[in-house]
Protein backbone atom coordinates (compact mmCIF):
# COMPACT_ATOMS: atom_id res chain seq x y z
CA UNK A 1 3.23 -0.71 3.71
CA UNK A 2 2.29 1.86 6.40
CA UNK A 3 -0.90 3.21 7.95
CA UNK A 4 -1.91 6.39 9.76
CA UNK A 5 -4.06 6.28 12.89
CA UNK A 6 -5.78 9.67 13.10
CA UNK A 7 -7.05 10.65 16.56
CA UNK A 8 -7.56 14.39 15.96
CA UNK A 9 -8.89 16.21 19.03
CA UNK A 10 -11.25 13.43 20.05
CA UNK A 11 -11.19 11.87 23.49
CA UNK A 12 -8.20 9.55 23.58
CA UNK A 13 -10.08 6.79 25.41
CA UNK A 14 -13.04 6.97 23.03
CA UNK A 15 -10.82 6.90 19.93
CA UNK A 16 -8.73 4.04 21.37
CA UNK A 17 -11.88 1.98 21.99
CA UNK A 18 -13.06 2.53 18.41
CA UNK A 19 -9.59 1.62 17.07
CA UNK A 20 -9.62 -1.65 19.06
CA UNK A 21 -13.08 -2.51 17.68
CA UNK A 22 -11.95 -1.82 14.09
CA UNK A 23 -8.80 -3.93 14.44
CA UNK A 24 -10.69 -6.76 16.14
CA UNK A 25 -12.93 -7.12 13.08
CA UNK A 26 -9.90 -8.26 11.02
CA UNK A 27 -7.17 -9.02 13.57
CA UNK A 28 -4.51 -10.16 11.09
CA UNK A 29 -5.18 -7.75 8.21
CA UNK A 30 -2.54 -5.14 9.20
CA UNK A 31 -0.05 -7.55 10.79
CA UNK A 32 3.53 -6.68 9.89
CA UNK A 33 2.80 -3.02 9.02
CA UNK A 34 4.18 0.20 10.49
CA UNK A 35 1.91 2.95 11.87
CA UNK A 36 2.03 6.67 12.57
CA UNK A 37 -0.39 8.13 15.14
CA UNK A 38 -1.70 11.60 14.23
CA UNK A 39 -3.19 13.72 17.02
CA UNK A 40 -4.77 17.17 17.03
CA UNK A 41 -3.59 20.16 19.06
CA UNK A 42 -3.46 18.25 22.33
CA UNK A 43 -0.43 16.10 23.00
CA UNK A 44 -1.06 12.67 24.52
CA UNK A 45 0.49 11.68 27.82
CA UNK A 46 3.37 9.22 27.78
CA UNK A 47 1.20 6.63 29.55
CA UNK A 48 -1.43 7.00 26.82
CA UNK A 49 1.19 6.43 24.12
CA UNK A 50 2.31 3.27 25.93
CA UNK A 51 -1.29 2.02 25.94
CA UNK A 52 -1.64 2.80 22.21
CA UNK A 53 1.65 1.05 21.40
CA UNK A 54 0.60 -2.04 23.36
CA UNK A 55 -2.75 -2.17 21.57
CA UNK A 56 -1.15 -1.96 18.13
CA UNK A 57 1.43 -4.61 19.02
CA UNK A 58 -1.42 -7.00 19.87
CA UNK A 59 -2.41 -6.86 16.21
CA UNK A 60 1.16 -7.04 14.86
CA UNK A 61 1.44 -3.29 14.11
CA UNK A 62 4.63 -1.36 14.91
CA UNK A 63 4.12 2.23 16.10
CA UNK A 64 7.07 4.07 14.54
CA UNK A 65 6.10 7.72 15.01
CA UNK A 66 3.53 10.17 16.29
CA UNK A 67 2.47 13.64 15.21
CA UNK A 68 0.44 16.28 17.05
CA UNK A 69 -0.57 19.35 15.04
CA UNK A 70 2.67 21.13 14.09
CA UNK A 71 4.62 19.52 16.95
CA UNK A 72 6.24 16.24 15.87
CA UNK A 73 7.32 13.77 18.56
CA UNK A 74 8.87 10.30 18.82
CA UNK A 75 10.30 9.04 15.51
CA UNK A 76 9.21 12.14 13.61
CA UNK A 77 11.15 14.36 16.01
CA UNK A 78 14.29 12.32 15.35
CA UNK A 79 13.85 12.81 11.61
CA UNK A 80 13.62 16.61 11.99
CA UNK A 81 16.69 16.56 14.24
CA UNK A 82 18.70 14.70 11.59
CA UNK A 83 17.62 17.22 8.97
CA UNK A 84 18.79 20.10 11.18
CA UNK A 85 22.21 18.51 11.66
CA UNK A 86 22.76 18.29 7.91
CA UNK A 87 22.59 22.06 7.61
CA UNK A 88 21.58 24.05 4.52
CA UNK A 89 22.21 22.48 1.14
CA UNK A 90 23.19 24.23 -2.06
CA UNK A 91 20.27 24.02 -4.47
CA UNK A 92 21.08 23.14 -8.07
CA UNK A 93 18.32 24.08 -10.53
CA UNK A 94 17.53 21.74 -13.41
CA UNK A 95 17.08 23.07 -16.94
CA UNK A 96 13.30 22.88 -16.62
CA UNK A 97 13.42 24.79 -13.33
CA UNK A 98 15.59 27.51 -14.90
CA UNK A 99 13.04 27.90 -17.67
CA UNK A 100 10.34 28.44 -15.04
CA UNK A 101 12.44 31.18 -13.42
CA UNK A 102 12.67 32.91 -16.81
CA UNK A 103 8.92 32.51 -17.34
CA UNK A 104 8.12 34.14 -14.00
CA UNK A 105 10.53 37.00 -14.72
CA UNK A 106 8.80 37.61 -18.06
CA UNK A 107 5.38 37.54 -16.39
CA UNK A 108 6.46 40.14 -13.82
CA UNK A 109 7.75 42.43 -16.58
CA UNK A 110 4.46 42.05 -18.47
CA UNK A 111 2.43 42.98 -15.37
CA UNK A 112 4.61 46.07 -14.74
CA UNK A 113 4.09 47.21 -18.36
CA UNK A 114 0.28 46.83 -18.03
CA UNK A 115 0.25 48.96 -14.88
CA UNK A 116 2.18 51.73 -16.65
CA UNK A 117 -0.44 51.75 -19.41
CA UNK A 118 -3.31 51.87 -16.90
CA UNK A 119 -4.45 48.33 -17.68
CA UNK A 120 -5.32 45.75 -15.03
CA UNK A 121 -2.47 43.50 -13.94
CA UNK A 122 -4.37 40.44 -15.06
CA UNK A 123 -6.49 40.27 -18.19
CA UNK A 124 -10.15 39.79 -17.42
CA UNK A 125 -12.30 37.42 -19.40
CA UNK A 126 -14.71 39.07 -21.84
CA UNK A 127 -18.24 38.09 -20.71
CA UNK A 128 -19.46 38.57 -24.28
CA UNK A 129 -17.27 35.73 -25.50
CA UNK A 130 -18.74 32.22 -25.13
CA UNK A 131 -16.95 30.02 -22.64
CA UNK A 132 -15.11 27.05 -24.11
CA UNK A 133 -16.81 23.73 -23.61
CA UNK A 134 -15.42 21.88 -20.59
CA UNK A 135 -13.31 18.84 -21.31
CA UNK A 136 -14.91 15.55 -20.27
CA UNK A 137 -13.62 14.05 -17.06
CA UNK A 138 -11.60 10.88 -17.31
CA UNK A 139 -12.01 8.38 -14.51
CA UNK A 140 -9.02 6.13 -14.01
CA UNK A 141 -9.47 3.12 -11.79
CA UNK A 142 -6.52 2.29 -9.60
CA UNK A 143 -5.22 -1.25 -9.92
CA UNK A 144 -5.17 -3.60 -6.95
CA UNK A 145 -2.50 -2.92 -4.35
CA UNK A 146 0.25 -5.46 -3.72
CA UNK A 147 1.46 -6.47 -0.26
CA UNK A 148 5.21 -7.18 -0.52
CA UNK A 149 6.66 -9.30 2.30
CA UNK A 150 10.30 -10.34 2.68
CA UNK A 151 11.04 -13.24 5.00
CA UNK A 152 9.79 -16.68 5.96
CA UNK A 153 6.21 -17.06 7.17
CA UNK A 154 6.06 -19.55 10.02
CA UNK A 155 3.14 -21.62 11.26
CA UNK A 156 0.39 -19.44 12.75
CA UNK A 157 1.35 -16.34 10.75
CA UNK A 158 -1.06 -14.91 8.20
CA UNK A 159 -1.00 -12.29 5.45
CA UNK A 160 -4.29 -10.86 4.15
CA UNK A 161 -4.58 -8.31 1.36
CA UNK A 162 -7.23 -6.64 -0.78
CA UNK A 163 -5.16 -7.05 -3.94
CA UNK A 164 -2.07 -9.18 -4.58
CA UNK A 165 0.48 -10.75 -2.23
CA UNK A 166 4.16 -11.25 -3.07
CA UNK A 167 6.35 -13.17 -0.60
CA UNK A 168 10.12 -13.38 -0.96
CA UNK A 169 10.78 -16.41 1.21
CA UNK A 170 9.15 -19.67 2.22
CA UNK A 171 5.59 -20.13 3.49
CA UNK A 172 5.76 -22.92 6.05
CA UNK A 173 2.96 -25.34 7.02
CA UNK A 174 0.43 -23.61 9.26
CA UNK A 175 0.98 -20.19 7.62
CA UNK A 176 -1.79 -18.64 5.53
CA UNK A 177 -1.97 -16.29 2.54
CA UNK A 178 -5.32 -14.70 1.66
CA UNK A 179 -5.60 -12.28 -1.29
CA UNK A 180 -8.38 -11.02 -3.52
CA UNK A 181 -5.91 -11.06 -6.43
CA UNK A 182 -2.84 -13.15 -7.29
CA UNK A 183 -0.35 -14.77 -4.92
CA UNK A 184 3.36 -15.02 -5.77
CA UNK A 185 5.84 -16.90 -3.58
CA UNK A 186 9.53 -16.65 -4.43
CA UNK A 187 10.27 -19.71 -2.36
CA UNK A 188 8.47 -22.86 -1.17
CA UNK A 189 4.71 -22.62 -0.62
CA UNK A 190 3.85 -25.30 1.97
CA UNK A 191 1.06 -23.54 3.87
CA UNK A 192 -2.46 -22.46 2.88
CA UNK A 193 -2.94 -20.11 -0.08
CA UNK A 194 -6.28 -18.61 -1.14
CA UNK A 195 -6.20 -16.34 -4.20
CA UNK A 196 -9.21 -14.56 -5.71
CA UNK A 197 -10.82 -14.61 -2.26
CA UNK A 198 -13.71 -12.36 -3.35
CA UNK A 199 -14.66 -14.64 -6.22
CA UNK A 200 -12.10 -13.79 -8.91
CA UNK A 201 -11.63 -17.12 -10.69
CA UNK A 202 -8.99 -15.59 -12.99
CA UNK A 203 -6.58 -15.17 -10.05
CA UNK A 204 -3.43 -17.30 -10.06
CA UNK A 205 -0.92 -18.69 -7.60
CA UNK A 206 2.79 -18.81 -8.46
CA UNK A 207 5.56 -20.46 -6.44
CA UNK A 208 9.11 -21.67 -7.00
CA UNK A 209 8.07 -24.84 -5.14
CA UNK A 210 4.34 -25.53 -4.93
CA UNK A 211 3.58 -28.04 -2.14
CA UNK A 212 0.70 -26.39 -0.23
CA UNK A 213 -1.32 -27.76 2.65
CA UNK A 214 -4.38 -26.35 0.91
CA UNK A 215 -4.83 -24.43 -2.32
CA UNK A 216 -7.88 -22.31 -3.13
CA UNK A 217 -8.77 -19.98 -5.99
CA UNK A 218 -12.13 -18.20 -5.69
CA UNK A 219 -14.56 -20.97 -4.66
CA UNK A 220 -12.40 -23.82 -6.03
CA UNK A 221 -10.33 -26.03 -3.76
CA UNK A 222 -7.45 -28.10 -5.11
CA UNK A 223 -8.20 -31.80 -5.49
CA UNK A 224 -5.97 -34.57 -4.25
CA UNK A 225 -2.27 -33.92 -4.67
CA UNK A 226 -1.29 -34.25 -8.30
CA UNK A 227 1.78 -36.09 -9.52
CA UNK A 228 4.74 -33.88 -8.71
CA UNK A 229 8.10 -33.47 -10.40
CA UNK A 230 11.06 -35.19 -8.78
CA UNK A 231 12.93 -31.88 -8.63
CA UNK A 232 11.06 -28.75 -7.46
CA UNK A 233 10.29 -26.40 -10.34
CA UNK A 234 8.46 -23.11 -10.56
CA UNK A 235 4.76 -23.82 -11.01
CA UNK A 236 1.53 -21.94 -11.48
CA UNK A 237 -1.98 -22.85 -10.31
CA UNK A 238 -5.11 -21.55 -12.01
CA UNK A 239 -8.74 -22.50 -12.60
CA UNK A 240 -9.67 -24.41 -15.74
CA UNK A 241 -13.18 -25.83 -16.29
CA UNK A 242 -14.10 -25.28 -12.66
CA UNK A 243 -11.03 -27.10 -11.29
CA UNK A 244 -7.61 -25.99 -10.11
CA UNK A 245 -4.81 -27.22 -12.36
CA UNK A 246 -1.06 -26.91 -11.75
CA UNK A 247 1.51 -26.73 -14.53
CA UNK A 248 5.23 -25.90 -14.63
CA UNK A 249 5.66 -22.21 -15.30
CA UNK A 250 7.83 -22.90 -18.36
CA UNK A 251 5.04 -24.93 -20.00
CA UNK A 252 2.27 -22.39 -19.46
CA UNK A 253 2.29 -21.52 -23.17
CA UNK A 254 1.47 -25.14 -24.05
CA UNK A 255 -1.82 -25.06 -22.14
CA UNK A 256 -4.76 -24.41 -24.51
CA UNK A 257 -6.71 -21.23 -23.81
């Protein structure tokens, strides 16, 4: 996951102060992400970039590139340099692209024929003809985003996401996962996990080994530790009758709806 920090042509100091205030409101929300700083027509000084990089690092954000108008610098400049070294490439057209070439050639021939006959190049709509009824707009809601993290989360580390969280690795004691949707851990979950953080009681928590310090779904907090299997098995936690229950993933179909 990456973010863009857009400065534009604003005062660098003023924009930096506002950025620090925004990040301080949720200090761990963007931790572990990469960032690109986008400036306007004025290039920042090297000292200013060092200040920006230090600020982002305080909140766990890695500044990987900067852009200023049409003049790329830092990581972006390296990308353009690599493209230049590759040299021109031979373009191979797909069948659909070839059909478009033929369509454009036919359109040009049709326009030339109209001009010879004294007609306009493009047909004009007849104002006497009624306009077709507009098609109704369809609004499609985007699903919740998923934060995908690879690696072990150690004590003191935190992942927060408006949407789902998927961790490929262990979540050690002292680490925290906070998501408005589901939480999936492809490893051992031994830290704190809070799914459905904005009140979604249908959210679920999955883990290959479920041994959390604390487990929360919406406003429900897991009761005392339930009887566990001798051998770790993949389990799922969800809310049933106002309480958090944990069942082996393979037996989920046996739980009554």
